[in-house]
Amino acid sequence: MVMSVLRKFDDPEFLSVCAVIYFVSQGLSFLHENNVAHHNLTDEHIMMDTKSIIPTGWHFVSHFCEPDGMTKISPLERKHLPVRYYFVGFGNCYHIPPNTTPLVRNIGGNVRRRRAGAV
């Protein structure tokens, strides 16, 4: 099986925050309906397949260029296009067996800690 090359979900940027909230809530609902808790859903763990909004593809090093490495990409507006989003990074996920209390403690996760004095 070959998987598509994925790109960060917010590159290119969204025109509306509503779209982000919609697809993240859909994905979380799916996980939770299947008794899965991700425990580390950060922006680094949300990816997308951009075939529909960047049909030309992009250069593997210069993500802002087409595969030729010279021509700037011209992404299409994702509003009415079928973009697939993926949650990745399931190293800290937890499956809650059916017929048990869905309570997880001491989950760990990837909490970003601020340095002392940082704003």
PDB file of N, CA and C in Angstrom:
ATOM      1  N   MET A   1       0.848  -1.179   0.000  1.00  0.00           N
ATOM      2  CA  MET A   1       0.000   0.000   0.000  1.00  0.00           C
ATOM      3  C   MET A   1       0.892   1.239   0.000  1.00  0.00           C
ATOM      4  N   VAL A   2       0.542   2.196  -0.814  1.00  0.00           N
ATOM      5  CA  VAL A   2       1.283   3.445  -0.886  1.00  0.00           C
ATOM      6  C   VAL A   2       0.384   4.569  -0.400  1.00  0.00           C
ATOM      7  N   MET A   3       0.901   5.356   0.516  1.00  0.00           N
ATOM      8  CA  MET A   3       0.122   6.471   1.065  1.00  0.00           C
ATOM      9  C   MET A   3       0.534   7.764   0.381  1.00  0.00           C
ATOM     10  N   SER A   4      -0.395   8.665   0.230  1.00  0.00           N
ATOM     11  CA  SER A   4      -0.105   9.964  -0.365  1.00  0.00           C
ATOM     12  C   SER A   4       0.888  10.728   0.498  1.00  0.00           C
ATOM     13  N   VAL A   5       1.642  11.610  -0.137  1.00  0.00           N
ATOM     14  CA  VAL A   5       2.523  12.503   0.612  1.00  0.00           C
ATOM     15  C   VAL A   5       1.629  13.524   1.298  1.00  0.00           C
ATOM     16  N   LEU A   6       1.775  13.639   2.596  1.00  0.00           N
ATOM     17  CA  LEU A   6       0.911  14.537   3.358  1.00  0.00           C
ATOM     18  C   LEU A   6       1.620  15.844   3.654  1.00  0.00           C
ATOM     19  N   ARG A   7       0.820  16.835   3.945  1.00  0.00           N
ATOM     20  CA  ARG A   7       1.305  18.186   4.214  1.00  0.00           C
ATOM     21  C   ARG A   7       0.609  18.674   5.473  1.00  0.00           C
ATOM     22  N   LYS A   8       1.242  19.603   6.189  1.00  0.00           N
ATOM     23  CA  LYS A   8       0.596  20.157   7.382  1.00  0.00           C
ATOM     24  C   LYS A   8      -0.781  20.693   7.018  1.00  0.00           C
ATOM     25  N   PHE A   9      -1.743  20.482   7.885  1.00  0.00           N
ATOM     26  CA  PHE A   9      -3.141  20.808   7.593  1.00  0.00           C
ATOM     27  C   PHE A   9      -3.379  22.287   7.328  1.00  0.00           C
ATOM     28  N   ASP A  10      -2.523  23.169   7.828  1.00  0.00           N
ATOM     29  CA  ASP A  10      -2.749  24.610   7.693  1.00  0.00           C
ATOM     30  C   ASP A  10      -1.821  25.267   6.672  1.00  0.00           C
ATOM     31  N   ASP A  11      -1.291  24.475   5.748  1.00  0.00           N
ATOM     32  CA  ASP A  11      -0.416  25.019   4.710  1.00  0.00           C
ATOM     33  C   ASP A  11      -0.876  24.486   3.362  1.00  0.00           C
ATOM     34  N   PRO A  12      -1.593  25.279   2.579  1.00  0.00           N
ATOM     35  CA  PRO A  12      -1.876  26.712   2.705  1.00  0.00           C
ATOM     36  C   PRO A  12      -2.900  27.014   3.809  1.00  0.00           C
ATOM     37  N   GLU A  13      -2.870  28.263   4.241  1.00  0.00           N
ATOM     38  CA  GLU A  13      -3.713  28.686   5.353  1.00  0.00           C
ATOM     39  C   GLU A  13      -5.200  28.607   5.015  1.00  0.00           C
ATOM     40  N   PHE A  14      -5.988  28.462   6.063  1.00  0.00           N
ATOM     41  CA  PHE A  14      -7.443  28.461   5.927  1.00  0.00           C
ATOM     42  C   PHE A  14      -7.946  29.889   5.782  1.00  0.00           C
ATOM     43  N   LEU A  15      -9.052  30.057   5.078  1.00  0.00           N
ATOM     44  CA  LEU A  15      -9.698  31.363   4.983  1.00  0.00           C
ATOM     45  C   LEU A  15     -10.649  31.575   6.148  1.00  0.00           C
ATOM     46  N   SER A  16     -11.061  30.483   6.798  1.00  0.00           N
ATOM     47  CA  SER A  16     -12.030  30.567   7.890  1.00  0.00           C
ATOM     48  C   SER A  16     -11.672  29.553   8.971  1.00  0.00           C
ATOM     49  N   VAL A  17     -11.745  29.974  10.216  1.00  0.00           N
ATOM     50  CA  VAL A  17     -11.467  29.067  11.333  1.00  0.00           C
ATOM     51  C   VAL A  17     -12.579  28.032  11.480  1.00  0.00           C
ATOM     52  N   CYS A  18     -13.759  28.338  10.965  1.00  0.00           N
ATOM     53  CA  CYS A  18     -14.893  27.398  11.055  1.00  0.00           C
ATOM     54  C   CYS A  18     -14.562  26.066  10.398  1.00  0.00           C
ATOM     55  N   ALA A  19     -13.845  26.098   9.282  1.00  0.00           N
ATOM     56  CA  ALA A  19     -13.495  24.865   8.581  1.00  0.00           C
ATOM     57  C   ALA A  19     -12.590  23.991   9.442  1.00  0.00           C
ATOM     58  N   VAL A  20     -11.656  24.602  10.158  1.00  0.00           N
ATOM     59  CA  VAL A  20     -10.751  23.854  11.033  1.00  0.00           C
ATOM     60  C   VAL A  20     -11.548  23.188  12.148  1.00  0.00           C
ATOM     61  N   ILE A  21     -12.399  23.957  12.791  1.00  0.00           N
ATOM     62  CA  ILE A  21     -13.210  23.436  13.891  1.00  0.00           C
ATOM     63  C   ILE A  21     -14.082  22.286  13.399  1.00  0.00           C
ATOM     64  N   TYR A  22     -14.637  22.424  12.207  1.00  0.00           N
ATOM     65  CA  TYR A  22     -15.519  21.391  11.659  1.00  0.00           C
ATOM     66  C   TYR A  22     -14.780  20.067  11.465  1.00  0.00           C
ATOM     67  N   PHE A  23     -13.646  20.088  10.753  1.00  0.00           N
ATOM     68  CA  PHE A  23     -12.999  18.812  10.463  1.00  0.00           C
ATOM     69  C   PHE A  23     -12.337  18.203  11.692  1.00  0.00           C
ATOM     70  N   VAL A  24     -11.820  19.028  12.616  1.00  0.00           N
ATOM     71  CA  VAL A  24     -11.231  18.469  13.838  1.00  0.00           C
ATOM     72  C   VAL A  24     -12.317  17.825  14.698  1.00  0.00           C
ATOM     73  N   SER A  25     -13.467  18.491  14.811  1.00  0.00           N
ATOM     74  CA  SER A  25     -14.548  17.908  15.623  1.00  0.00           C
ATOM     75  C   SER A  25     -15.074  16.616  14.989  1.00  0.00           C
ATOM     76  N   GLN A  26     -15.119  16.549  13.661  1.00  0.00           N
ATOM     77  CA  GLN A  26     -15.527  15.310  12.983  1.00  0.00           C
ATOM     78  C   GLN A  26     -14.561  14.174  13.303  1.00  0.00           C
ATOM     79  N   GLY A  27     -13.273  14.469  13.202  1.00  0.00           N
ATOM     80  CA  GLY A  27     -12.259  13.447  13.468  1.00  0.00           C
ATOM     81  C   GLY A  27     -12.275  12.982  14.909  1.00  0.00           C
ATOM     82  N   LEU A  28     -12.393  13.927  15.841  1.00  0.00           N
ATOM     83  CA  LEU A  28     -12.448  13.558  17.257  1.00  0.00           C
ATOM     84  C   LEU A  28     -13.694  12.743  17.563  1.00  0.00           C
ATOM     85  N   SER A  29     -14.813  13.120  16.970  1.00  0.00           N
ATOM     86  CA  SER A  29     -16.047  12.354  17.178  1.00  0.00           C
ATOM     87  C   SER A  29     -15.871  10.915  16.712  1.00  0.00           C
ATOM     88  N   PHE A  30     -15.244  10.741  15.553  1.00  0.00           N
ATOM     89  CA  PHE A  30     -15.006   9.392  15.037  1.00  0.00           C
ATOM     90  C   PHE A  30     -14.141   8.584  16.005  1.00  0.00           C
ATOM     91  N   LEU A  31     -13.046   9.185  16.478  1.00  0.00           N
ATOM     92  CA  LEU A  31     -12.176   8.478  17.419  1.00  0.00           C
ATOM     93  C   LEU A  31     -12.925   8.102  18.686  1.00  0.00           C
ATOM     94  N   HIS A  32     -13.649   9.066  19.235  1.00  0.00           N
ATOM     95  CA  HIS A  32     -14.339   8.833  20.502  1.00  0.00           C
ATOM     96  C   HIS A  32     -15.482   7.826  20.362  1.00  0.00           C
ATOM     97  N   GLU A  33     -16.165   7.822  19.221  1.00  0.00           N
ATOM     98  CA  GLU A  33     -17.208   6.819  18.981  1.00  0.00           C
ATOM     99  C   GLU A  33     -16.618   5.409  18.944  1.00  0.00           C
ATOM    100  N   ASN A  34     -15.334   5.330  18.597  1.00  0.00           N
ATOM    101  CA  ASN A  34     -14.645   4.042  18.547  1.00  0.00           C
ATOM    102  C   ASN A  34     -13.777   3.808  19.782  1.00  0.00           C
ATOM    103  N   ASN A  35     -14.070   4.558  20.845  1.00  0.00           N
ATOM    104  CA  ASN A  35     -13.393   4.411  22.141  1.00  0.00           C
ATOM    105  C   ASN A  35     -11.882   4.612  22.070  1.00  0.00           C
ATOM    106  N   VAL A  36     -11.451   5.546  21.244  1.00  0.00           N
ATOM    107  CA  VAL A  36     -10.031   5.862  21.138  1.00  0.00           C
ATOM    108  C   VAL A  36      -9.815   7.290  21.611  1.00  0.00           C
ATOM    109  N   ALA A  37      -8.848   7.451  22.515  1.00  0.00           N
ATOM    110  CA  ALA A  37      -8.443   8.781  22.969  1.00  0.00           C
ATOM    111  C   ALA A  37      -7.045   9.034  22.412  1.00  0.00           C
ATOM    112  N   HIS A  38      -6.854  10.094  21.652  1.00  0.00           N
ATOM    113  CA  HIS A  38      -5.582  10.372  20.993  1.00  0.00           C
ATOM    114  C   HIS A  38      -4.514  10.790  21.989  1.00  0.00           C
ATOM    115  N   HIS A  39      -4.832  11.663  22.896  1.00  0.00           N
ATOM    116  CA  HIS A  39      -3.955  12.136  23.972  1.00  0.00           C
ATOM    117  C   HIS A  39      -2.821  13.038  23.529  1.00  0.00           C
ATOM    118  N   ASN A  40      -2.710  13.358  22.273  1.00  0.00           N
ATOM    119  CA  ASN A  40      -1.612  14.211  21.831  1.00  0.00           C
ATOM    120  C   ASN A  40      -1.974  14.921  20.536  1.00  0.00           C
ATOM    121  N   LEU A  41      -3.203  15.389  20.441  1.00  0.00           N
ATOM    122  CA  LEU A  41      -3.661  16.003  19.201  1.00  0.00           C
ATOM    123  C   LEU A  41      -3.249  17.470  19.176  1.00  0.00           C
ATOM    124  N   THR A  42      -2.077  17.712  18.607  1.00  0.00           N
ATOM    125  CA  THR A  42      -1.561  19.064  18.444  1.00  0.00           C
ATOM    126  C   THR A  42      -1.542  19.378  16.954  1.00  0.00           C
ATOM    127  N   ASP A  43      -1.189  20.606  16.608  1.00  0.00           N
ATOM    128  CA  ASP A  43      -1.123  20.971  15.193  1.00  0.00           C
ATOM    129  C   ASP A  43      -0.094  20.131  14.440  1.00  0.00           C
ATOM    130  N   GLU A  44       0.892  19.605  15.135  1.00  0.00           N
ATOM    131  CA  GLU A  44       1.898  18.756  14.496  1.00  0.00           C
ATOM    132  C   GLU A  44       1.346  17.383  14.117  1.00  0.00           C
ATOM    133  N   HIS A  45       0.200  17.017  14.670  1.00  0.00           N
ATOM    134  CA  HIS A  45      -0.366  15.696  14.421  1.00  0.00           C
ATOM    135  C   HIS A  45      -1.627  15.731  13.559  1.00  0.00           C
ATOM    136  N   ILE A  46      -1.800  16.811  12.813  1.00  0.00           N
ATOM    137  CA  ILE A  46      -2.919  16.902  11.871  1.00  0.00           C
ATOM    138  C   ILE A  46      -2.332  17.194  10.493  1.00  0.00           C
ATOM    139  N   MET A  47      -2.579  16.298   9.559  1.00  0.00           N
ATOM    140  CA  MET A  47      -2.026  16.419   8.213  1.00  0.00           C
ATOM    141  C   MET A  47      -3.161  16.377   7.196  1.00  0.00           C
ATOM    142  N   MET A  48      -2.824  16.711   5.941  1.00  0.00           N
ATOM    143  CA  MET A  48      -3.833  16.643   4.882  1.00  0.00           C
ATOM    144  C   MET A  48      -3.214  16.159   3.588  1.00  0.00           C
ATOM    145  N   ASP A  49      -4.072  15.604   2.760  1.00  0.00           N
ATOM    146  CA  ASP A  49      -3.723  15.213   1.405  1.00  0.00           C
ATOM    147  C   ASP A  49      -4.187  16.366   0.521  1.00  0.00           C
ATOM    148  N   THR A  50      -3.262  17.025  -0.155  1.00  0.00           N
ATOM    149  CA  THR A  50      -3.599  18.252  -0.888  1.00  0.00           C
ATOM    150  C   THR A  50      -3.834  18.047  -2.383  1.00  0.00           C
ATOM    151  N   LYS A  51      -4.056  16.813  -2.817  1.00  0.00           N
ATOM    152  CA  LYS A  51      -4.250  16.578  -4.258  1.00  0.00           C
ATOM    153  C   LYS A  51      -5.305  17.491  -4.864  1.00  0.00           C
ATOM    154  N   SER A  52      -6.371  17.765  -4.124  1.00  0.00           N
ATOM    155  CA  SER A  52      -7.459  18.566  -4.694  1.00  0.00           C
ATOM    156  C   SER A  52      -7.161  20.064  -4.695  1.00  0.00           C
ATOM    157  N   ILE A  53      -6.377  20.555  -3.745  1.00  0.00           N
ATOM    158  CA  ILE A  53      -6.137  22.009  -3.702  1.00  0.00           C
ATOM    159  C   ILE A  53      -4.791  22.414  -4.294  1.00  0.00           C
ATOM    160  N   ILE A  54      -3.870  21.451  -4.436  1.00  0.00           N
ATOM    161  CA  ILE A  54      -2.606  21.710  -5.137  1.00  0.00           C
ATOM    162  C   ILE A  54      -2.440  20.597  -6.167  1.00  0.00           C
ATOM    163  N   PRO A  55      -3.239  20.637  -7.243  1.00  0.00           N
ATOM    164  CA  PRO A  55      -3.240  19.535  -8.210  1.00  0.00           C
ATOM    165  C   PRO A  55      -1.908  19.332  -8.927  1.00  0.00           C
ATOM    166  N   THR A  56      -1.074  20.366  -8.984  1.00  0.00           N
ATOM    167  CA  THR A  56       0.228  20.233  -9.645  1.00  0.00           C
ATOM    168  C   THR A  56       1.237  19.511  -8.772  1.00  0.00           C
ATOM    169  N   GLY A  57       0.940  19.377  -7.475  1.00  0.00           N
ATOM    170  CA  GLY A  57       1.895  18.822  -6.531  1.00  0.00           C
ATOM    171  C   GLY A  57       2.876  19.895  -6.096  1.00  0.00           C
ATOM    172  N   TRP A  58       3.848  19.511  -5.274  1.00  0.00           N
ATOM    173  CA  TRP A  58       4.839  20.484  -4.823  1.00  0.00           C
ATOM    174  C   TRP A  58       6.196  19.814  -4.737  1.00  0.00           C
ATOM    175  N   HIS A  59       7.222  20.648  -4.686  1.00  0.00           N
ATOM    176  CA  HIS A  59       8.597  20.170  -4.612  1.00  0.00           C
ATOM    177  C   HIS A  59       8.850  19.569  -3.234  1.00  0.00           C
ATOM    178  N   PHE A  60       9.550  18.458  -3.164  1.00  0.00           N
ATOM    179  CA  PHE A  60       9.729  17.747  -1.899  1.00  0.00           C
ATOM    180  C   PHE A  60      10.551  18.526  -0.873  1.00  0.00           C
ATOM    181  N   VAL A  61      11.339  19.504  -1.315  1.00  0.00           N
ATOM    182  CA  VAL A  61      12.109  20.332  -0.379  1.00  0.00           C
ATOM    183  C   VAL A  61      11.486  21.715  -0.256  1.00  0.00           C
ATOM    184  N   SER A  62      11.173  22.335  -1.381  1.00  0.00           N
ATOM    185  CA  SER A  62      10.578  23.678  -1.400  1.00  0.00           C
ATOM    186  C   SER A  62       9.066  23.545  -1.502  1.00  0.00           C
ATOM    187  N   HIS A  63       8.398  23.459  -0.370  1.00  0.00           N
ATOM    188  CA  HIS A  63       6.953  23.202  -0.350  1.00  0.00           C
ATOM    189  C   HIS A  63       6.123  24.311  -0.982  1.00  0.00           C
ATOM    190  N   PHE A  64       6.727  25.459  -1.212  1.00  0.00           N
ATOM    191  CA  PHE A  64       6.001  26.571  -1.826  1.00  0.00           C
ATOM    192  C   PHE A  64       6.147  26.566  -3.343  1.00  0.00           C
ATOM    193  N   CYS A  65       6.862  25.592  -3.894  1.00  0.00           N
ATOM    194  CA  CYS A  65       7.081  25.505  -5.346  1.00  0.00           C
ATOM    195  C   CYS A  65       6.465  24.234  -5.918  1.00  0.00           C
ATOM    196  N   GLU A  66       6.172  24.293  -7.211  1.00  0.00           N
ATOM    197  CA  GLU A  66       5.726  23.111  -7.942  1.00  0.00           C
ATOM    198  C   GLU A  66       6.902  22.135  -8.049  1.00  0.00           C
ATOM    199  N   PRO A  67       6.671  20.918  -8.531  1.00  0.00           N
ATOM    200  CA  PRO A  67       7.746  19.925  -8.590  1.00  0.00           C
ATOM    201  C   PRO A  67       9.000  20.373  -9.351  1.00  0.00           C
ATOM    202  N   ASP A  68       8.885  21.370 -10.233  1.00  0.00           N
ATOM    203  CA  ASP A  68      10.071  21.843 -10.952  1.00  0.00           C
ATOM    204  C   ASP A  68      11.018  22.628 -10.047  1.00  0.00           C
ATOM    205  N   GLY A  69      10.567  22.988  -8.841  1.00  0.00           N
ATOM    206  CA  GLY A  69      11.407  23.726  -7.902  1.00  0.00           C
ATOM    207  C   GLY A  69      11.517  25.204  -8.200  1.00  0.00           C
ATOM    208  N   MET A  70      10.838  25.682  -9.237  1.00  0.00           N
ATOM    209  CA  MET A  70      10.950  27.083  -9.657  1.00  0.00           C
ATOM    210  C   MET A  70       9.608  27.812  -9.604  1.00  0.00           C
ATOM    211  N   THR A  71       8.564  27.168 -10.078  1.00  0.00           N
ATOM    212  CA  THR A  71       7.253  27.798 -10.198  1.00  0.00           C
ATOM    213  C   THR A  71       6.540  27.781  -8.856  1.00  0.00           C
ATOM    214  N   LYS A  72       6.053  28.955  -8.440  1.00  0.00           N
ATOM    215  CA  LYS A  72       5.338  29.046  -7.166  1.00  0.00           C
ATOM    216  C   LYS A  72       3.988  28.337  -7.292  1.00  0.00           C
ATOM    217  N   ILE A  73       3.612  27.573  -6.263  1.00  0.00           N
ATOM    218  CA  ILE A  73       2.318  26.888  -6.302  1.00  0.00           C
ATOM    219  C   ILE A  73       1.187  27.905  -6.218  1.00  0.00           C
ATOM    220  N   SER A  74       0.078  27.562  -6.813  1.00  0.00           N
ATOM    221  CA  SER A  74      -1.134  28.383  -6.750  1.00  0.00           C
ATOM    222  C   SER A  74      -2.257  27.509  -6.212  1.00  0.00           C
ATOM    223  N   PRO A  75      -2.363  27.403  -4.883  1.00  0.00           N
ATOM    224  CA  PRO A  75      -3.390  26.533  -4.312  1.00  0.00           C
ATOM    225  C   PRO A  75      -4.796  27.011  -4.625  1.00  0.00           C
ATOM    226  N   LEU A  76      -5.699  26.068  -4.839  1.00  0.00           N
ATOM    227  CA  LEU A  76      -7.105  26.382  -5.044  1.00  0.00           C
ATOM    228  C   LEU A  76      -7.767  26.550  -3.684  1.00  0.00           C
ATOM    229  N   GLU A  77      -8.883  27.247  -3.643  1.00  0.00           N
ATOM    230  CA  GLU A  77      -9.603  27.433  -2.386  1.00  0.00           C
ATOM    231  C   GLU A  77     -10.233  26.110  -1.969  1.00  0.00           C
ATOM    232  N   ARG A  78     -10.003  25.710  -0.737  1.00  0.00           N
ATOM    233  CA  ARG A  78     -10.472  24.399  -0.273  1.00  0.00           C
ATOM    234  C   ARG A  78     -11.936  24.357   0.110  1.00  0.00           C
ATOM    235  N   LYS A  79     -12.597  25.497   0.082  1.00  0.00           N
ATOM    236  CA  LYS A  79     -13.974  25.598   0.573  1.00  0.00           C
ATOM    237  C   LYS A  79     -14.916  24.565  -0.045  1.00  0.00           C
ATOM    238  N   HIS A  80     -14.824  24.359  -1.345  1.00  0.00           N
ATOM    239  CA  HIS A  80     -15.749  23.444  -2.020  1.00  0.00           C
ATOM    240  C   HIS A  80     -15.040  22.225  -2.617  1.00  0.00           C
ATOM    241  N   LEU A  81     -13.830  21.950  -2.146  1.00  0.00           N
ATOM    242  CA  LEU A  81     -13.073  20.821  -2.676  1.00  0.00           C
ATOM    243  C   LEU A  81     -12.945  19.722  -1.620  1.00  0.00           C
ATOM    244  N   PRO A  82     -12.875  18.472  -2.048  1.00  0.00           N
ATOM    245  CA  PRO A  82     -12.789  17.362  -1.088  1.00  0.00           C
ATOM    246  C   PRO A  82     -11.363  17.167  -0.568  1.00  0.00           C
ATOM    247  N   VAL A  83     -11.042  17.800   0.538  1.00  0.00           N
ATOM    248  CA  VAL A  83      -9.718  17.664   1.144  1.00  0.00           C
ATOM    249  C   VAL A  83      -9.805  16.609   2.246  1.00  0.00           C
ATOM    250  N   ARG A  84      -8.866  15.673   2.253  1.00  0.00           N
ATOM    251  CA  ARG A  84      -8.836  14.633   3.297  1.00  0.00           C
ATOM    252  C   ARG A  84      -7.811  15.025   4.347  1.00  0.00           C
ATOM    253  N   TYR A  85      -8.240  14.972   5.598  1.00  0.00           N
ATOM    254  CA  TYR A  85      -7.376  15.293   6.725  1.00  0.00           C
ATOM    255  C   TYR A  85      -7.091  14.018   7.502  1.00  0.00           C
ATOM    256  N   TYR A  86      -5.929  13.961   8.120  1.00  0.00           N
ATOM    257  CA  TYR A  86      -5.511  12.776   8.862  1.00  0.00           C
ATOM    258  C   TYR A  86      -4.962  13.176  10.221  1.00  0.00           C
ATOM    259  N   PHE A  87      -5.314  12.404  11.233  1.00  0.00           N
ATOM    260  CA  PHE A  87      -4.669  12.527  12.533  1.00  0.00           C
ATOM    261  C   PHE A  87      -3.519  11.523  12.520  1.00  0.00           C
ATOM    262  N   VAL A  88      -2.353  11.958  12.953  1.00  0.00           N
ATOM    263  CA  VAL A  88      -1.178  11.085  13.019  1.00  0.00           C
ATOM    264  C   VAL A  88      -0.621  11.143  14.439  1.00  0.00           C
ATOM    265  N   GLY A  89       0.422  10.412  14.712  1.00  0.00           N
ATOM    266  CA  GLY A  89       1.067  10.453  16.018  1.00  0.00           C
ATOM    267  C   GLY A  89       0.253   9.770  17.101  1.00  0.00           C
ATOM    268  N   PHE A  90      -0.063   8.517  16.903  1.00  0.00           N
ATOM    269  CA  PHE A  90      -0.891   7.782  17.860  1.00  0.00           C
ATOM    270  C   PHE A  90      -0.068   7.051  18.921  1.00  0.00           C
ATOM    271  N   GLY A  91       1.161   7.488  19.154  1.00  0.00           N
ATOM    272  CA  GLY A  91       2.014   6.828  20.141  1.00  0.00           C
ATOM    273  C   GLY A  91       1.479   6.892  21.556  1.00  0.00           C
ATOM    274  N   ASN A  92       0.714   7.927  21.891  1.00  0.00           N
ATOM    275  CA  ASN A  92       0.154   8.072  23.238  1.00  0.00           C
ATOM    276  C   ASN A  92      -1.331   7.752  23.291  1.00  0.00           C
ATOM    277  N   CYS A  93      -1.879   7.192  22.219  1.00  0.00           N
ATOM    278  CA  CYS A  93      -3.326   6.963  22.202  1.00  0.00           C
ATOM    279  C   CYS A  93      -3.710   5.828  23.150  1.00  0.00           C
ATOM    280  N   TYR A  94      -4.965   5.783  23.457  1.00  0.00           N
ATOM    281  CA  TYR A  94      -5.472   4.804  24.411  1.00  0.00           C
ATOM    282  C   TYR A  94      -6.820   4.308  23.917  1.00  0.00           C
ATOM    283  N   HIS A  95      -6.991   2.994  23.887  1.00  0.00           N
ATOM    284  CA  HIS A  95      -8.277   2.413  23.527  1.00  0.00           C
ATOM    285  C   HIS A  95      -8.992   2.028  24.809  1.00  0.00           C
ATOM    286  N   ILE A  96     -10.202   2.496  24.954  1.00  0.00           N
ATOM    287  CA  ILE A  96     -11.005   2.192  26.132  1.00  0.00           C
ATOM    288  C   ILE A  96     -11.897   1.008  25.783  1.00  0.00           C
ATOM    289  N   PRO A  97     -11.710  -0.111  26.456  1.00  0.00           N
ATOM    290  CA  PRO A  97     -12.529  -1.290  26.145  1.00  0.00           C
ATOM    291  C   PRO A  97     -14.017  -1.001  26.328  1.00  0.00           C
ATOM    292  N   PRO A  98     -14.859  -1.614  25.503  1.00  0.00           N
ATOM    293  CA  PRO A  98     -16.309  -1.426  25.653  1.00  0.00           C
ATOM    294  C   PRO A  98     -16.763  -1.858  27.050  1.00  0.00           C
ATOM    295  N   ASN A  99     -17.866  -1.280  27.491  1.00  0.00           N
ATOM    296  CA  ASN A  99     -18.478  -1.610  28.786  1.00  0.00           C
ATOM    297  C   ASN A  99     -17.596  -1.275  29.984  1.00  0.00           C
ATOM    298  N   THR A 100     -16.706  -0.288  29.822  1.00  0.00           N
ATOM    299  CA  THR A 100     -15.925   0.197  30.959  1.00  0.00           C
ATOM    300  C   THR A 100     -16.134   1.694  31.081  1.00  0.00           C
ATOM    301  N   THR A 101     -15.790   2.227  32.232  1.00  0.00           N
ATOM    302  CA  THR A 101     -15.924   3.667  32.447  1.00  0.00           C
ATOM    303  C   THR A 101     -14.856   4.383  31.632  1.00  0.00           C
ATOM    304  N   PRO A 102     -15.253   5.304  30.760  1.00  0.00           N
ATOM    305  CA  PRO A 102     -14.273   5.993  29.911  1.00  0.00           C
ATOM    306  C   PRO A 102     -13.520   7.084  30.674  1.00  0.00           C
ATOM    307  N   LEU A 103     -12.649   6.662  31.574  1.00  0.00           N
ATOM    308  CA  LEU A 103     -11.860   7.600  32.359  1.00  0.00           C
ATOM    309  C   LEU A 103     -10.400   7.189  32.261  1.00  0.00           C
ATOM    310  N   VAL A 104      -9.579   8.120  31.805  1.00  0.00           N
ATOM    311  CA  VAL A 104      -8.152   7.854  31.682  1.00  0.00           C
ATOM    312  C   VAL A 104      -7.426   8.886  32.526  1.00  0.00           C
ATOM    313  N   ARG A 105      -6.487   8.433  33.326  1.00  0.00           N
ATOM    314  CA  ARG A 105      -5.716   9.337  34.184  1.00  0.00           C
ATOM    315  C   ARG A 105      -4.247   9.254  33.817  1.00  0.00           C
ATOM    316  N   ASN A 106      -3.523  10.316  34.170  1.00  0.00           N
ATOM    317  CA  ASN A 106      -2.076  10.358  33.935  1.00  0.00           C
ATOM    318  C   ASN A 106      -1.740  10.010  32.487  1.00  0.00           C
ATOM    319  N   ILE A 107      -2.326  10.767  31.579  1.00  0.00           N
ATOM    320  CA  ILE A 107      -2.189  10.432  30.165  1.00  0.00           C
ATOM    321  C   ILE A 107      -0.858  10.843  29.573  1.00  0.00           C
ATOM    322  N   GLY A 108      -0.147  11.754  30.217  1.00  0.00           N
ATOM    323  CA  GLY A 108       1.130  12.181  29.653  1.00  0.00           C
ATOM    324  C   GLY A 108       0.894  13.143  28.513  1.00  0.00           C
ATOM    325  N   GLY A 109       1.098  12.696  27.316  1.00  0.00           N
ATOM    326  CA  GLY A 109       0.917  13.571  26.161  1.00  0.00           C
ATOM    327  C   GLY A 109       2.151  14.396  25.897  1.00  0.00           C
ATOM    328  N   ASN A 110       2.032  15.306  24.990  1.00  0.00           N
ATOM    329  CA  ASN A 110       3.154  16.136  24.574  1.00  0.00           C
ATOM    330  C   ASN A 110       2.847  17.574  24.927  1.00  0.00           C
ATOM    331  N   VAL A 111       2.933  17.910  26.185  1.00  0.00           N
ATOM    332  CA  VAL A 111       2.618  19.255  26.643  1.00  0.00           C
ATOM    333  C   VAL A 111       3.834  20.131  26.425  1.00  0.00           C
ATOM    334  N   ARG A 112       3.637  21.233  25.749  1.00  0.00           N
ATOM    335  CA  ARG A 112       4.732  22.183  25.558  1.00  0.00           C
ATOM    336  C   ARG A 112       4.863  23.020  26.815  1.00  0.00           C
ATOM    337  N   ARG A 113       6.015  22.981  27.398  1.00  0.00           N
ATOM    338  CA  ARG A 113       6.246  23.731  28.631  1.00  0.00           C
ATOM    339  C   ARG A 113       6.954  25.032  28.303  1.00  0.00           C
ATOM    340  N   ARG A 114       6.531  26.097  28.987  1.00  0.00           N
ATOM    341  CA  ARG A 114       7.164  27.398  28.786  1.00  0.00           C
ATOM    342  C   ARG A 114       8.363  27.530  29.715  1.00  0.00           C
ATOM    343  N   ARG A 115       9.365  28.226  29.233  1.00  0.00           N
ATOM    344  CA  ARG A 115      10.520  28.507  30.078  1.00  0.00           C
ATOM    345  C   ARG A 115      10.132  29.550  31.105  1.00  0.00           C
ATOM    346  N   ALA A 116      10.815  29.547  32.210  1.00  0.00           N
ATOM    347  CA  ALA A 116      10.570  30.548  33.246  1.00  0.00           C
ATOM    348  C   ALA A 116      10.819  31.927  32.657  1.00  0.00           C
ATOM    349  N   GLY A 117       9.891  32.816  32.853  1.00  0.00           N
ATOM    350  CA  GLY A 117      10.018  34.183  32.348  1.00  0.00           C
ATOM    351  C   GLY A 117       9.516  34.374  30.931  1.00  0.00           C
ATOM    352  N   ALA A 118       9.191  33.289  30.234  1.00  0.00           N
ATOM    353  CA  ALA A 118       8.682  33.416  28.862  1.00  0.00           C
ATOM    354  C   ALA A 118       7.235  33.863  28.896  1.00  0.00           C
ATOM    355  N   VAL A 119       6.859  34.617  27.895  1.00  0.00           N
ATOM    356  CA  VAL A 119       5.484  35.112  27.814  1.00  0.00           C
ATOM    357  C   VAL A 119       4.709  34.283  26.831  1.00  0.00           C
TER     358      VAL A 119
END
